[in-house]
Amino acid sequence: FDCVFGSRFIRGSRCVNYPRLKLFVNRVVNTMMQLLFWTRYNDLTNSFKAYRSYVIRDLMPLKACHFNITIELSLNTLIRGYAIAQVPISWQGRTWGSSNLHLSEMGRRYLSTLLRAWFEKNLILDDLMAESMACRVRAAARAADLDTRLGSLERRLAALEDKAS
C-alpha cells in the first residue's frame, strides 16, 4: 500500500468519549466526502494516517496549514489513485482541557479544501495524473540510480577487502 488510513468507525475500531455534536458533524462531513468522491473510506477527517514519502512528494505543494491538512492529504491521495489500506484504530476523547479544533473556524477551511479537491478531480484530473506519473518516474529513476551507486560501492568494498587479505 502507498498509504494507510486509520478509521474510528469500522469493525475492530473503538471510539470513546466522542462529543455528540462533533460526532454528528464528523459523520455528516465524512458521508458527504464519501458521496462526492465515490469512496468507501469512512473517516477521511481522521489524522491517524501513514504515507510513503513519494506520495507526499507527489502531493506537493500542499495548501492547507490547519487541521484541514488531513483532508487535503486524504483526498489528493485518493484522487491520484494511490493504493490505500484502511485499518481500525482505538480513539479516546479528551477528559480534560479543550480542543484547538473549533467547528465555526474550521468549517470554511474544510469546505474550501473539499471543494478544491472536488474541482481538481472533476476538472483537471488528467493533468494531476500526468504530474503524478512524472513524479513516480523520477522517483523510480532516483531509486535505480541509488541501486547503481550501491552496487558500485559494494564492488569497491569487495576489491578493498580482497587487497587487504
Protein backbone atom coordinates (compact mmCIF):
# COMPACT_ATOMS: atom_id res chain seq x y z
CA PHE A 1 0.00 0.00 0.00
CA ASP A 2 1.03 3.58 -0.62
CA CYS A 3 -0.97 4.88 2.36
CA VAL A 4 -2.72 3.58 5.45
CA PHE A 5 -5.75 5.39 6.85
CA GLY A 6 -6.95 4.75 10.39
CA SER A 7 -10.70 4.66 10.94
CA ARG A 8 -12.65 5.10 14.14
CA PHE A 9 -15.79 3.73 12.51
CA ILE A 10 -15.07 0.26 11.10
CA ARG A 11 -15.23 -3.21 12.60
CA GLY A 12 -12.50 -3.63 15.20
CA SER A 13 -12.18 0.07 15.98
CA ARG A 14 -13.03 1.69 19.28
CA CYS A 15 -14.26 5.22 19.83
CA VAL A 16 -14.81 6.50 23.38
CA ASN A 17 -15.96 9.90 24.70
CA TYR A 18 -16.62 11.49 21.32
CA PRO A 19 -18.63 14.70 21.93
CA ARG A 20 -22.08 14.23 20.37
CA LEU A 21 -22.10 17.41 18.27
CA LYS A 22 -18.61 16.76 16.87
CA LEU A 23 -19.53 13.13 16.19
CA PHE A 24 -22.65 14.20 14.30
CA VAL A 25 -20.74 16.79 12.25
CA ASN A 26 -17.93 14.29 11.62
CA ARG A 27 -20.32 11.66 10.27
CA VAL A 28 -22.13 14.19 8.05
CA VAL A 29 -18.87 15.55 6.61
CA ASN A 30 -17.37 12.10 6.05
CA THR A 31 -20.56 10.83 4.41
CA MET A 32 -20.56 13.89 2.14
CA MET A 33 -16.94 13.18 1.17
CA GLN A 34 -17.75 9.52 0.52
CA LEU A 35 -20.53 10.56 -1.87
CA LEU A 36 -18.58 13.35 -3.61
CA PHE A 37 -15.50 11.18 -4.17
CA TRP A 38 -17.20 7.79 -4.54
CA THR A 39 -15.06 6.15 -1.90
CA ARG A 40 -15.55 3.51 0.76
CA TYR A 41 -13.17 5.22 3.21
CA ASN A 42 -15.33 6.49 6.03
CA ASP A 43 -13.01 8.54 8.24
CA LEU A 44 -11.10 10.86 5.92
CA THR A 45 -11.00 13.61 8.57
CA ASN A 46 -9.05 11.36 10.94
CA SER A 47 -5.40 12.36 11.36
CA PHE A 48 -4.10 8.85 12.05
CA LYS A 49 -2.56 8.10 8.66
CA ALA A 50 0.74 6.95 7.18
CA TYR A 51 2.07 7.88 3.74
CA ARG A 52 5.10 6.73 1.80
CA SER A 53 7.48 9.61 1.13
CA TYR A 54 6.95 9.55 -2.64
CA VAL A 55 3.22 10.08 -2.11
CA ILE A 56 3.85 13.23 -0.07
CA ARG A 57 6.31 14.49 -2.71
CA ASP A 58 3.68 13.87 -5.39
CA LEU A 59 1.06 15.88 -3.48
CA MET A 60 3.25 18.97 -3.17
CA PRO A 61 2.67 21.83 -2.88
CA LEU A 62 0.16 21.48 -0.09
CA LYS A 63 -2.04 24.48 0.59
CA ALA A 64 -3.66 23.76 3.96
CA CYS A 65 -1.98 24.97 7.12
CA HIS A 66 -4.55 23.93 9.75
CA PHE A 67 -6.49 20.79 10.62
CA ASN A 68 -7.80 20.71 7.04
CA ILE A 69 -4.40 19.29 6.03
CA THR A 70 -5.89 15.90 6.99
CA ILE A 71 -8.49 16.01 4.23
CA GLU A 72 -6.17 17.68 1.72
CA LEU A 73 -3.75 14.77 2.06
CA SER A 74 -6.52 12.15 2.11
CA LEU A 75 -8.49 13.47 -0.85
CA ASN A 76 -5.46 14.23 -3.02
CA THR A 77 -4.11 10.74 -2.37
CA LEU A 78 -7.49 9.28 -3.22
CA ILE A 79 -8.00 11.16 -6.49
CA ARG A 80 -4.49 10.31 -7.69
CA GLY A 81 -5.30 6.63 -7.37
CA TYR A 82 -2.79 5.54 -4.76
CA ALA A 83 -3.32 2.16 -3.07
CA ILE A 84 -4.86 2.80 0.34
CA ALA A 85 -5.47 0.43 3.25
CA GLN A 86 -7.96 1.28 5.98
CA VAL A 87 -7.31 -0.12 9.46
CA PRO A 88 -9.32 0.06 12.69
CA ILE A 89 -7.96 2.27 15.45
CA SER A 90 -8.81 2.99 19.05
CA TRP A 91 -9.64 6.60 19.77
CA GLN A 92 -10.48 8.24 23.07
CA GLY A 93 -11.79 11.76 23.52
CA ARG A 94 -10.10 14.11 25.88
CA THR A 95 -11.10 14.01 29.53
CA TRP A 96 -9.66 17.43 30.36
CA GLY A 97 -8.66 20.59 28.51
CA SER A 98 -10.23 21.85 25.32
CA SER A 99 -9.76 21.12 21.65
CA ASN A 100 -7.98 23.52 19.31
CA LEU A 101 -10.33 22.48 16.52
CA HIS A 102 -13.33 24.78 16.59
CA LEU A 103 -16.13 23.92 14.18
CA SER A 104 -17.02 27.55 13.49
CA GLU A 105 -13.44 28.39 12.43
CA MET A 106 -12.57 25.20 10.63
CA GLY A 107 -15.80 24.75 8.70
CA ARG A 108 -14.84 27.23 6.00
CA ARG A 109 -11.32 25.80 5.72
CA TYR A 110 -12.62 22.25 5.39
CA LEU A 111 -15.18 23.37 2.81
CA SER A 112 -12.53 25.23 0.80
CA THR A 113 -10.20 22.21 0.82
CA LEU A 114 -13.05 19.86 -0.04
CA LEU A 115 -14.22 21.99 -2.97
CA ARG A 116 -10.67 22.46 -4.30
CA ALA A 117 -10.12 18.69 -4.29
CA TRP A 118 -13.51 18.04 -5.90
CA PHE A 119 -12.84 20.54 -8.69
CA GLU A 120 -9.36 19.12 -9.25
CA LYS A 121 -10.86 15.63 -9.51
CA ASN A 122 -13.58 16.69 -11.90
CA LEU A 123 -11.85 19.37 -13.98
CA ILE A 124 -8.11 18.70 -14.13
CA LEU A 125 -7.63 15.06 -13.11
CA ASP A 126 -5.80 14.31 -16.38
CA ASP A 127 -3.20 16.99 -15.55
CA LEU A 128 -2.86 15.72 -11.99
CA MET A 129 -2.33 12.17 -13.21
CA ALA A 130 0.31 13.29 -15.72
CA GLU A 131 2.15 15.15 -12.95
CA SER A 132 1.77 12.14 -10.67
CA MET A 133 3.18 9.79 -13.31
CA ALA A 134 6.13 12.11 -13.90
CA CYS A 135 6.79 12.18 -10.16
CA ARG A 136 6.67 8.38 -9.98
CA VAL A 137 9.05 8.07 -12.96
CA ARG A 138 11.51 10.48 -11.30
CA ALA A 139 11.28 8.51 -8.04
CA ALA A 140 11.94 5.24 -9.88
CA ALA A 141 14.94 6.81 -11.66
CA ARG A 142 16.33 8.03 -8.31
CA ALA A 143 15.88 4.55 -6.83
CA ALA A 144 17.63 2.94 -9.82
CA ASP A 145 20.48 5.46 -9.51
CA LEU A 146 20.85 4.65 -5.82
CA ASP A 147 20.90 0.92 -6.60
CA THR A 148 23.64 1.52 -9.19
CA ARG A 149 25.70 3.56 -6.73
CA LEU A 150 25.23 0.98 -4.00
CA GLY A 151 26.36 -1.80 -6.35
CA SER A 152 29.45 0.21 -7.29
CA LEU A 153 30.29 0.83 -3.63
CA GLU A 154 29.81 -2.85 -2.80
CA ARG A 155 32.20 -3.85 -5.62
CA ARG A 156 34.80 -1.31 -4.46
CA LEU A 157 34.49 -2.54 -0.88
CA ALA A 158 34.91 -6.16 -2.01
CA ALA A 159 38.01 -5.16 -4.03
CA LEU A 160 39.47 -3.39 -0.98
CA GLU A 161 38.77 -6.41 1.22
CA ASP A 162 40.46 -8.69 -1.34
CA LYS A 163 43.55 -6.43 -1.33
CA ALA A 164 43.64 -6.42 2.46
CA SER A 165 43.61 -10.21 2.74
